């Protein structure tokens, strides 16, 4: 179950140019408060999974709900500047200072969750180097490719590392 949650959070994905910093003016990327509902497919050596998610991001905190195919809760993540809380359906709770570290401890996967908050908005993390590609960019060992954009933001995103591939579909954006 914990590996499934980690893989989901990687909801985390080019031939590139020279490394550079993100542009200063980013419309959707500049938003600090937004809501996103969607689904994610996860492929790894551990197996394949499909999950739904609802992500509520504010400048000071985030709440992410993960659900199985029939809407059954898989996990709840709540985070702010003080840390993150992972709650499982059986009531188990796990605390950590950083989401990436908590998920690695609980799942064994090093997932780029701290980067994912930018990637789902169609931009690289402005504090980390990246390389541009025709349909996206690479950042910190991950390939992020945008397959489709809707009127409110990225609709289909593929995130890939050698051992893990995610396909994210945004169903509803609000900001």
N, C-alpha and C. Protein backbone atom coordinates (compact mmCIF):
# COMPACT_ATOMS: atom_id res chain seq x y z
N UNK A 1 0.83 -1.19 0.00
CA UNK A 1 0.00 0.00 0.00
C UNK A 1 0.87 1.25 0.00
N UNK A 2 1.92 1.26 0.82
CA UNK A 2 2.78 2.44 0.91
C UNK A 2 3.50 2.68 -0.41
N UNK A 3 3.94 1.61 -1.10
CA UNK A 3 4.61 1.79 -2.39
C UNK A 3 3.64 2.35 -3.41
N UNK A 4 2.39 1.94 -3.34
CA UNK A 4 1.37 2.46 -4.24
C UNK A 4 1.20 3.96 -4.03
N UNK A 5 1.16 4.39 -2.79
CA UNK A 5 1.01 5.81 -2.48
C UNK A 5 2.20 6.59 -3.01
N UNK A 6 3.38 6.06 -2.81
CA UNK A 6 4.57 6.75 -3.27
C UNK A 6 4.56 6.89 -4.77
N UNK A 7 4.22 5.81 -5.43
CA UNK A 7 4.20 5.86 -6.89
C UNK A 7 3.17 6.88 -7.36
N UNK A 8 2.07 6.96 -6.68
CA UNK A 8 1.04 7.92 -7.05
C UNK A 8 1.54 9.34 -6.94
N UNK A 9 2.26 9.62 -5.90
CA UNK A 9 2.69 10.99 -5.67
C UNK A 9 3.76 11.43 -6.64
N UNK A 10 4.31 10.49 -7.22
CA UNK A 10 5.26 10.85 -8.25
C UNK A 10 4.48 11.35 -9.44
N UNK A 11 3.08 11.31 -9.25
CA UNK A 11 2.31 11.81 -10.33
C UNK A 11 3.18 12.63 -11.24
N UNK A 12 4.96 12.24 -10.34
CA UNK A 12 5.68 12.85 -10.73
C UNK A 12 5.99 12.47 -12.01
N UNK A 13 5.66 13.41 -14.86
CA UNK A 13 6.67 13.60 -15.75
C UNK A 13 6.62 14.58 -16.66
N UNK A 14 14.22 14.66 -22.26
CA UNK A 14 13.88 15.30 -23.40
C UNK A 14 15.25 15.69 -23.97
N UNK A 15 15.24 15.59 -25.03
CA UNK A 15 16.51 16.09 -25.56
C UNK A 15 16.60 17.56 -25.24
N UNK A 16 17.65 18.00 -24.65
CA UNK A 16 17.62 19.33 -24.06
C UNK A 16 18.60 20.32 -24.61
N UNK A 17 18.36 21.55 -24.16
CA UNK A 17 19.25 22.66 -24.44
C UNK A 17 20.19 22.81 -23.25
N UNK A 18 20.93 23.88 -23.23
CA UNK A 18 21.82 24.14 -22.10
C UNK A 18 21.00 24.36 -20.84
N UNK A 19 21.55 24.03 -19.72
CA UNK A 19 20.87 24.20 -18.44
C UNK A 19 20.61 25.69 -18.19
N UNK A 20 19.43 25.97 -17.59
CA UNK A 20 19.06 27.36 -17.36
C UNK A 20 18.06 27.45 -16.22
N UNK A 21 17.77 28.65 -15.78
CA UNK A 21 16.78 28.88 -14.73
C UNK A 21 15.43 29.15 -15.39
N UNK A 22 14.35 28.91 -14.65
CA UNK A 22 13.00 29.12 -15.19
C UNK A 22 12.78 30.60 -15.48
N UNK A 23 11.97 30.91 -16.51
CA UNK A 23 11.66 32.30 -16.80
C UNK A 23 10.92 32.95 -15.63
N UNK A 24 11.10 34.25 -15.47
CA UNK A 24 10.52 34.96 -14.33
C UNK A 24 9.01 35.09 -14.45
N UNK A 25 8.49 35.33 -15.65
CA UNK A 25 7.05 35.55 -15.82
C UNK A 25 6.37 34.26 -16.28
N UNK A 26 5.66 33.62 -15.37
CA UNK A 26 4.95 32.38 -15.66
C UNK A 26 3.52 32.54 -15.17
N UNK A 27 2.57 32.53 -16.05
CA UNK A 27 1.20 32.78 -15.65
C UNK A 27 0.69 31.70 -14.70
N UNK A 28 0.43 30.50 -15.20
CA UNK A 28 -0.07 29.43 -14.36
C UNK A 28 0.98 29.03 -13.32
N UNK A 29 2.24 29.05 -13.73
CA UNK A 29 3.32 28.69 -12.82
C UNK A 29 3.46 29.65 -11.65
N UNK A 30 2.99 30.87 -11.80
CA UNK A 30 3.10 31.86 -10.73
C UNK A 30 2.00 31.73 -9.68
N UNK A 31 0.99 30.95 -9.96
CA UNK A 31 -0.11 30.81 -9.00
C UNK A 31 0.37 30.16 -7.71
N UNK A 32 -0.11 30.65 -6.60
CA UNK A 32 0.25 30.05 -5.31
C UNK A 32 -0.95 29.35 -4.67
N UNK A 33 -2.14 29.53 -5.22
CA UNK A 33 -3.33 28.85 -4.71
C UNK A 33 -4.10 28.27 -5.88
N UNK A 34 -4.40 26.97 -5.82
CA UNK A 34 -5.12 26.30 -6.90
C UNK A 34 -5.64 24.96 -6.41
N UNK A 35 -6.56 24.41 -7.19
CA UNK A 35 -7.12 23.09 -6.93
C UNK A 35 -7.07 22.29 -8.22
N UNK A 36 -6.74 21.02 -8.09
CA UNK A 36 -6.64 20.14 -9.25
C UNK A 36 -7.21 18.79 -8.90
N UNK A 37 -8.08 18.30 -9.78
CA UNK A 37 -8.61 16.94 -9.65
C UNK A 37 -8.20 16.18 -10.89
N UNK A 38 -7.87 14.92 -10.71
CA UNK A 38 -7.46 14.14 -11.87
C UNK A 38 -7.24 12.69 -11.53
N UNK A 39 -6.51 12.04 -12.43
CA UNK A 39 -6.16 10.64 -12.22
C UNK A 39 -4.73 10.44 -12.67
N UNK A 40 -4.15 9.39 -12.12
CA UNK A 40 -2.76 9.10 -12.45
C UNK A 40 -2.58 7.60 -12.65
N UNK A 41 -1.81 7.28 -13.67
CA UNK A 41 -1.41 5.90 -13.92
C UNK A 41 0.06 5.78 -13.57
N UNK A 42 0.41 4.71 -12.88
CA UNK A 42 1.77 4.51 -12.41
C UNK A 42 2.27 3.16 -12.92
N UNK A 43 3.45 3.18 -13.56
CA UNK A 43 4.06 1.95 -14.04
C UNK A 43 5.45 1.86 -13.44
N UNK A 44 5.74 0.72 -12.83
CA UNK A 44 7.07 0.49 -12.28
C UNK A 44 7.33 -1.01 -12.26
N UNK A 45 8.52 -1.37 -11.83
CA UNK A 45 8.85 -2.79 -11.68
C UNK A 45 7.99 -3.44 -10.61
N UNK A 46 7.43 -2.63 -9.72
CA UNK A 46 6.58 -3.13 -8.64
C UNK A 46 5.16 -3.46 -9.11
N UNK A 47 4.77 -2.94 -10.28
CA UNK A 47 3.43 -3.16 -10.81
C UNK A 47 2.85 -1.90 -11.41
N UNK A 48 1.60 -1.99 -11.84
CA UNK A 48 0.89 -0.87 -12.45
C UNK A 48 -0.32 -0.52 -11.58
N UNK A 49 -0.56 0.80 -11.43
CA UNK A 49 -1.66 1.26 -10.60
C UNK A 49 -2.35 2.44 -11.26
N UNK A 50 -3.63 2.61 -10.97
CA UNK A 50 -4.38 3.78 -11.40
C UNK A 50 -5.08 4.34 -10.17
N UNK A 51 -4.92 5.64 -9.97
CA UNK A 51 -5.51 6.29 -8.82
C UNK A 51 -6.14 7.62 -9.22
N UNK A 52 -7.08 8.07 -8.41
CA UNK A 52 -7.63 9.40 -8.55
C UNK A 52 -7.01 10.29 -7.50
N UNK A 53 -7.02 11.60 -7.73
CA UNK A 53 -6.49 12.51 -6.73
C UNK A 53 -7.25 13.83 -6.76
N UNK A 54 -7.25 14.48 -5.61
CA UNK A 54 -7.76 15.85 -5.47
C UNK A 54 -6.69 16.61 -4.70
N UNK A 55 -6.20 17.70 -5.28
CA UNK A 55 -5.08 18.46 -4.71
C UNK A 55 -5.54 19.89 -4.48
N UNK A 56 -5.46 20.34 -3.25
CA UNK A 56 -5.81 21.71 -2.88
C UNK A 56 -4.54 22.37 -2.37
N UNK A 57 -4.03 23.35 -3.12
CA UNK A 57 -2.79 24.03 -2.78
C UNK A 57 -3.08 25.47 -2.42
N UNK A 58 -2.55 25.93 -1.27
CA UNK A 58 -2.60 27.34 -0.88
C UNK A 58 -1.16 27.80 -0.68
N UNK A 59 -0.94 29.09 -0.49
CA UNK A 59 0.45 29.53 -0.26
C UNK A 59 1.09 28.88 0.98
N UNK A 60 0.30 28.55 1.98
CA UNK A 60 0.85 28.05 3.23
C UNK A 60 0.69 26.55 3.45
N UNK A 61 -0.12 25.86 2.62
CA UNK A 61 -0.37 24.44 2.89
C UNK A 61 -0.88 23.73 1.64
N UNK A 62 -0.96 22.40 1.75
CA UNK A 62 -1.56 21.59 0.70
C UNK A 62 -2.28 20.40 1.33
N UNK A 63 -3.32 19.95 0.64
CA UNK A 63 -4.07 18.75 1.01
C UNK A 63 -4.23 17.93 -0.26
N UNK A 64 -3.84 16.67 -0.19
CA UNK A 64 -3.97 15.77 -1.34
C UNK A 64 -4.69 14.52 -0.88
N UNK A 65 -5.78 14.19 -1.58
CA UNK A 65 -6.52 12.96 -1.31
C UNK A 65 -6.28 12.01 -2.48
N UNK A 66 -5.94 10.77 -2.16
CA UNK A 66 -5.73 9.75 -3.18
C UNK A 66 -6.81 8.69 -3.05
N UNK A 67 -7.37 8.30 -4.18
CA UNK A 67 -8.46 7.33 -4.17
C UNK A 67 -8.21 6.21 -5.18
N UNK A 68 -8.76 5.04 -4.89
CA UNK A 68 -8.70 3.90 -5.80
C UNK A 68 -9.78 4.05 -6.85
N UNK A 69 -9.84 3.13 -7.77
CA UNK A 69 -10.75 3.20 -8.91
C UNK A 69 -12.21 3.45 -8.53
N UNK A 70 -12.70 2.81 -7.49
CA UNK A 70 -14.11 2.98 -7.11
C UNK A 70 -14.31 4.09 -6.08
N UNK A 71 -13.34 4.97 -5.91
CA UNK A 71 -13.46 6.09 -4.98
C UNK A 71 -13.06 5.78 -3.56
N UNK A 72 -12.54 4.60 -3.31
CA UNK A 72 -12.10 4.22 -1.97
C UNK A 72 -10.83 4.99 -1.62
N UNK A 73 -10.78 5.53 -0.43
CA UNK A 73 -9.60 6.30 0.01
C UNK A 73 -8.36 5.42 0.07
N UNK A 74 -7.25 5.94 -0.44
CA UNK A 74 -5.96 5.26 -0.39
C UNK A 74 -5.04 5.96 0.60
N UNK A 75 -5.06 7.30 0.58
CA UNK A 75 -4.22 8.07 1.49
C UNK A 75 -4.63 9.52 1.47
N UNK A 76 -4.25 10.22 2.53
CA UNK A 76 -4.46 11.66 2.65
C UNK A 76 -3.13 12.27 3.06
N UNK A 77 -2.72 13.32 2.35
CA UNK A 77 -1.49 14.05 2.68
C UNK A 77 -1.84 15.49 3.02
N UNK A 78 -1.36 15.96 4.15
CA UNK A 78 -1.58 17.34 4.57
C UNK A 78 -0.22 17.91 4.95
N UNK A 79 0.12 19.04 4.34
CA UNK A 79 1.43 19.61 4.62
C UNK A 79 1.40 21.11 4.74
N UNK A 80 2.39 21.63 5.48
CA UNK A 80 2.59 23.08 5.62
C UNK A 80 4.05 23.30 5.97
N UNK A 81 4.42 24.52 6.36
CA UNK A 81 5.82 24.82 6.64
C UNK A 81 6.38 24.04 7.82
N UNK A 82 5.52 23.49 8.67
CA UNK A 82 5.97 22.72 9.83
C UNK A 82 6.22 21.25 9.53
N UNK A 83 5.74 20.76 8.38
CA UNK A 83 5.94 19.36 8.02
C UNK A 83 4.75 18.79 7.28
N UNK A 84 4.72 17.47 7.22
CA UNK A 84 3.68 16.79 6.46
C UNK A 84 3.14 15.60 7.26
N UNK A 85 1.85 15.33 7.07
CA UNK A 85 1.19 14.21 7.72
C UNK A 85 0.60 13.31 6.64
N UNK A 86 0.96 12.03 6.67
CA UNK A 86 0.41 11.02 5.77
C UNK A 86 -0.55 10.17 6.59
N UNK A 87 -1.83 10.11 6.17
CA UNK A 87 -2.83 9.32 6.88
C UNK A 87 -3.35 8.24 5.93
N UNK A 88 -3.32 6.99 6.39
CA UNK A 88 -3.81 5.85 5.61
C UNK A 88 -5.21 5.48 6.06
N UNK A 89 -5.95 4.73 5.23
CA UNK A 89 -7.34 4.39 5.56
C UNK A 89 -7.53 3.66 6.88
N UNK A 90 -6.52 2.90 7.32
CA UNK A 90 -6.64 2.18 8.59
C UNK A 90 -6.39 3.07 9.80
N UNK A 91 -6.17 4.37 9.55
CA UNK A 91 -5.95 5.31 10.64
C UNK A 91 -4.48 5.54 10.97
N UNK A 92 -3.58 4.78 10.36
CA UNK A 92 -2.15 4.97 10.58
C UNK A 92 -1.75 6.37 10.14
N UNK A 93 -0.91 7.01 10.95
CA UNK A 93 -0.44 8.36 10.64
C UNK A 93 1.07 8.40 10.71
N UNK A 94 1.66 9.08 9.73
CA UNK A 94 3.10 9.22 9.66
C UNK A 94 3.44 10.69 9.47
N UNK A 95 4.38 11.17 10.27
CA UNK A 95 4.79 12.57 10.22
C UNK A 95 6.20 12.69 9.66
N UNK A 96 6.47 13.78 8.98
CA UNK A 96 7.81 14.05 8.48
C UNK A 96 8.01 15.53 8.28
N UNK A 97 9.25 15.92 8.17
CA UNK A 97 9.57 17.33 7.95
C UNK A 97 9.36 17.70 6.48
N UNK A 98 9.77 16.81 5.58
CA UNK A 98 9.64 17.06 4.14
C UNK A 98 8.92 15.89 3.48
N UNK A 99 8.03 16.20 2.55
CA UNK A 99 7.23 15.17 1.89
C UNK A 99 8.10 14.16 1.16
N UNK A 100 9.14 14.61 0.46
CA UNK A 100 9.99 13.69 -0.29
C UNK A 100 10.63 12.66 0.64
N UNK A 101 11.11 13.10 1.78
CA UNK A 101 11.76 12.21 2.75
C UNK A 101 10.75 11.27 3.41
N UNK A 102 9.57 11.78 3.76
CA UNK A 102 8.54 10.93 4.37
C UNK A 102 8.13 9.82 3.41
N UNK A 103 7.90 10.16 2.17
CA UNK A 103 7.49 9.15 1.20
C UNK A 103 8.59 8.12 0.94
N UNK A 104 9.82 8.57 0.92
CA UNK A 104 10.92 7.62 0.72
C UNK A 104 10.99 6.65 1.90
N UNK A 105 10.82 7.16 3.11
CA UNK A 105 10.84 6.32 4.30
C UNK A 105 9.70 5.30 4.26
N UNK A 106 8.51 5.73 3.87
CA UNK A 106 7.34 4.86 3.90
C UNK A 106 7.21 3.94 2.69
N UNK A 107 7.82 4.33 1.57
CA UNK A 107 7.61 3.56 0.34
C UNK A 107 8.86 2.98 -0.28
N UNK A 108 10.01 3.53 0.08
CA UNK A 108 11.24 3.09 -0.54
C UNK A 108 11.57 3.81 -1.84
N UNK A 109 10.68 4.66 -2.31
CA UNK A 109 10.90 5.42 -3.54
C UNK A 109 11.29 6.86 -3.21
N UNK A 110 12.27 7.37 -3.93
CA UNK A 110 12.64 8.79 -3.82
C UNK A 110 11.83 9.52 -4.88
N UNK A 111 10.76 10.16 -4.46
CA UNK A 111 9.84 10.81 -5.37
C UNK A 111 10.02 12.32 -5.34
N UNK A 112 9.84 12.97 -6.49
CA UNK A 112 10.08 14.41 -6.58
C UNK A 112 8.85 15.25 -6.25
N UNK A 113 8.20 14.96 -5.13
CA UNK A 113 6.95 15.66 -4.83
C UNK A 113 7.15 17.16 -4.76
N UNK A 114 8.26 17.60 -4.19
CA UNK A 114 8.48 19.04 -4.06
C UNK A 114 8.56 19.71 -5.43
N UNK A 115 8.96 18.97 -6.45
CA UNK A 115 9.00 19.49 -7.82
C UNK A 115 7.64 19.37 -8.50
N UNK A 116 6.88 18.37 -8.11
CA UNK A 116 5.60 18.09 -8.77
C UNK A 116 4.62 19.25 -8.66
N UNK A 117 4.69 20.01 -7.59
CA UNK A 117 3.79 21.15 -7.45
C UNK A 117 3.99 22.17 -8.56
N UNK A 118 5.17 22.21 -9.17
CA UNK A 118 5.43 23.08 -10.32
C UNK A 118 5.06 22.36 -11.62
N UNK A 119 5.47 21.11 -11.72
CA UNK A 119 5.28 20.35 -12.97
C UNK A 119 3.82 20.25 -13.37
N UNK A 120 2.92 20.04 -12.40
CA UNK A 120 1.49 19.93 -12.76
C UNK A 120 0.96 21.24 -13.33
N UNK A 121 1.65 22.35 -13.06
CA UNK A 121 1.25 23.65 -13.61
C UNK A 121 1.96 23.96 -14.92
N UNK A 122 2.80 23.02 -15.38
CA UNK A 122 3.44 23.19 -16.68
C UNK A 122 4.76 23.91 -16.67
N UNK A 123 5.38 24.04 -15.51
CA UNK A 123 6.66 24.76 -15.41
C UNK A 123 7.64 23.97 -14.55
N UNK A 124 8.94 24.19 -14.78
CA UNK A 124 9.94 23.59 -13.88
C UNK A 124 10.04 24.39 -12.58
N UNK A 125 10.61 23.78 -11.57
CA UNK A 125 10.87 24.47 -10.31
C UNK A 125 11.85 25.60 -10.61
N UNK A 126 11.51 26.84 -10.29
CA UNK A 126 12.39 27.97 -10.61
C UNK A 126 13.69 27.98 -9.80
N UNK A 127 13.78 27.18 -8.75
CA UNK A 127 14.99 27.15 -7.92
C UNK A 127 15.96 26.05 -8.33
N UNK A 128 15.62 25.28 -9.37
CA UNK A 128 16.44 24.15 -9.77
C UNK A 128 16.73 24.21 -11.27
N UNK A 129 17.94 23.85 -11.67
CA UNK A 129 18.29 23.84 -13.09
C UNK A 129 17.43 22.85 -13.85
N UNK A 130 17.22 23.12 -15.12
CA UNK A 130 16.46 22.23 -15.99
C UNK A 130 16.97 22.36 -17.40
N UNK A 131 16.59 21.41 -18.26
CA UNK A 131 16.93 21.46 -19.67
C UNK A 131 15.65 21.38 -20.48
N UNK A 132 15.50 22.32 -21.40
CA UNK A 132 14.31 22.35 -22.25
C UNK A 132 14.33 21.23 -23.27
N UNK A 133 13.15 20.83 -23.71
CA UNK A 133 12.98 19.85 -24.78
C UNK A 133 11.77 20.29 -25.60
N UNK A 134 11.52 19.60 -26.68
CA UNK A 134 10.44 19.98 -27.59
C UNK A 134 9.08 20.07 -26.88
N UNK A 135 8.75 19.11 -26.02
CA UNK A 135 7.44 19.07 -25.37
C UNK A 135 7.50 19.20 -23.87
N UNK A 136 8.62 19.66 -23.34
CA UNK A 136 8.73 19.76 -21.89
C UNK A 136 10.13 20.10 -21.46
N UNK A 137 10.63 19.34 -20.45
CA UNK A 137 11.94 19.61 -19.89
C UNK A 137 12.38 18.42 -19.04
N UNK A 138 13.65 18.41 -18.68
CA UNK A 138 14.14 17.44 -17.71
C UNK A 138 14.65 18.23 -16.51
N UNK A 139 14.46 17.64 -15.35
CA UNK A 139 14.87 18.32 -14.11
C UNK A 139 15.17 17.26 -13.05
N UNK A 140 16.35 17.35 -12.46
CA UNK A 140 16.77 16.46 -11.38
C UNK A 140 16.58 14.98 -11.71
N UNK A 141 16.92 14.60 -12.95
CA UNK A 141 16.86 13.20 -13.35
C UNK A 141 15.50 12.72 -13.84
N UNK A 142 14.52 13.59 -13.88
CA UNK A 142 13.17 13.24 -14.33
C UNK A 142 12.89 13.91 -15.67
N UNK A 143 12.21 13.19 -16.55
CA UNK A 143 11.77 13.73 -17.82
C UNK A 143 10.29 14.10 -17.68
N UNK A 144 9.95 15.33 -18.00
CA UNK A 144 8.58 15.82 -17.88
C UNK A 144 8.12 16.22 -19.27
N UNK A 145 7.08 15.57 -19.76
CA UNK A 145 6.59 15.83 -21.12
C UNK A 145 5.11 16.15 -21.08
N UNK A 146 4.74 17.25 -21.73
CA UNK A 146 3.35 17.69 -21.75
C UNK A 146 2.71 17.20 -23.05
N UNK A 147 1.72 16.33 -22.92
CA UNK A 147 1.07 15.71 -24.07
C UNK A 147 -0.15 16.49 -24.55
N UNK A 148 -0.77 17.25 -23.63
CA UNK A 148 -1.97 18.01 -24.01
C UNK A 148 -2.20 19.13 -23.00
N UNK A 149 -2.60 20.30 -23.52
CA UNK A 149 -2.96 21.42 -22.67
C UNK A 149 -4.45 21.72 -22.86
N UNK A 150 -5.11 22.10 -21.77
CA UNK A 150 -6.49 22.55 -21.83
C UNK A 150 -6.52 24.06 -21.67
N UNK A 151 -7.69 24.62 -21.59
CA UNK A 151 -7.81 26.07 -21.47
C UNK A 151 -7.31 26.61 -20.13
N UNK A 152 -7.23 25.74 -19.09
CA UNK A 152 -6.81 26.19 -17.76
C UNK A 152 -5.44 25.67 -17.34
N UNK A 153 -4.80 24.87 -18.19
CA UNK A 153 -3.48 24.36 -17.83
C UNK A 153 -3.20 23.02 -18.45
N UNK A 154 -2.09 22.39 -18.04
CA UNK A 154 -1.75 21.07 -18.59
C UNK A 154 -2.86 20.07 -18.34
N UNK A 155 -3.16 19.28 -19.35
CA UNK A 155 -4.21 18.27 -19.22
C UNK A 155 -3.61 16.87 -19.12
N UNK A 156 -2.58 16.57 -19.93
CA UNK A 156 -1.93 15.26 -19.88
C UNK A 156 -0.42 15.47 -19.76
N UNK A 157 0.16 14.82 -18.75
CA UNK A 157 1.59 14.95 -18.46
C UNK A 157 2.17 13.55 -18.27
N UNK A 158 3.34 13.32 -18.86
CA UNK A 158 4.09 12.10 -18.61
C UNK A 158 5.36 12.47 -17.86
N UNK A 159 5.61 11.77 -16.77
CA UNK A 159 6.79 11.99 -15.94
C UNK A 159 7.52 10.66 -15.88
N UNK A 160 8.82 10.69 -16.22
CA UNK A 160 9.52 9.42 -16.31
C UNK A 160 10.94 9.50 -15.77
N UNK A 161 11.32 8.45 -15.11
CA UNK A 161 12.68 8.18 -14.69
C UNK A 161 12.92 6.73 -15.09
N UNK A 162 14.12 6.27 -15.12
CA UNK A 162 14.41 4.94 -15.64
C UNK A 162 13.52 3.84 -15.06
N UNK A 163 13.19 3.89 -13.79
CA UNK A 163 12.44 2.81 -13.15
C UNK A 163 10.98 3.13 -12.86
N UNK A 164 10.52 4.30 -13.27
CA UNK A 164 9.17 4.71 -12.92
C UNK A 164 8.59 5.62 -13.99
N UNK A 165 7.32 5.36 -14.35
CA UNK A 165 6.65 6.20 -15.34
C UNK A 165 5.26 6.55 -14.82
N UNK A 166 4.93 7.84 -14.90
CA UNK A 166 3.63 8.32 -14.46
C UNK A 166 2.92 8.99 -15.61
N UNK A 167 1.62 8.78 -15.68
CA UNK A 167 0.78 9.50 -16.63
C UNK A 167 -0.31 10.20 -15.84
N UNK A 168 -0.28 11.51 -15.88
CA UNK A 168 -1.22 12.33 -15.11
C UNK A 168 -2.22 12.95 -16.06
N UNK A 169 -3.49 12.85 -15.71
CA UNK A 169 -4.55 13.50 -16.48
C UNK A 169 -5.29 14.44 -15.54
N UNK A 170 -5.25 15.72 -15.88
CA UNK A 170 -5.96 16.74 -15.10
C UNK A 170 -7.40 16.80 -15.61
N UNK A 171 -8.35 16.54 -14.75
CA UNK A 171 -9.76 16.57 -15.14
C UNK A 171 -10.42 17.90 -14.83
N UNK A 172 -9.95 18.56 -13.76
CA UNK A 172 -10.57 19.82 -13.36
C UNK A 172 -9.56 20.71 -12.66
N UNK A 173 -9.35 21.89 -13.22
CA UNK A 173 -8.50 22.92 -12.63
C UNK A 173 -9.35 24.03 -12.05
N UNK A 174 -8.98 24.55 -10.89
CA UNK A 174 -9.61 25.75 -10.34
C UNK A 174 -8.53 26.63 -9.76
N UNK A 175 -8.61 27.92 -10.07
CA UNK A 175 -7.70 28.91 -9.49
C UNK A 175 -8.29 30.27 -9.58
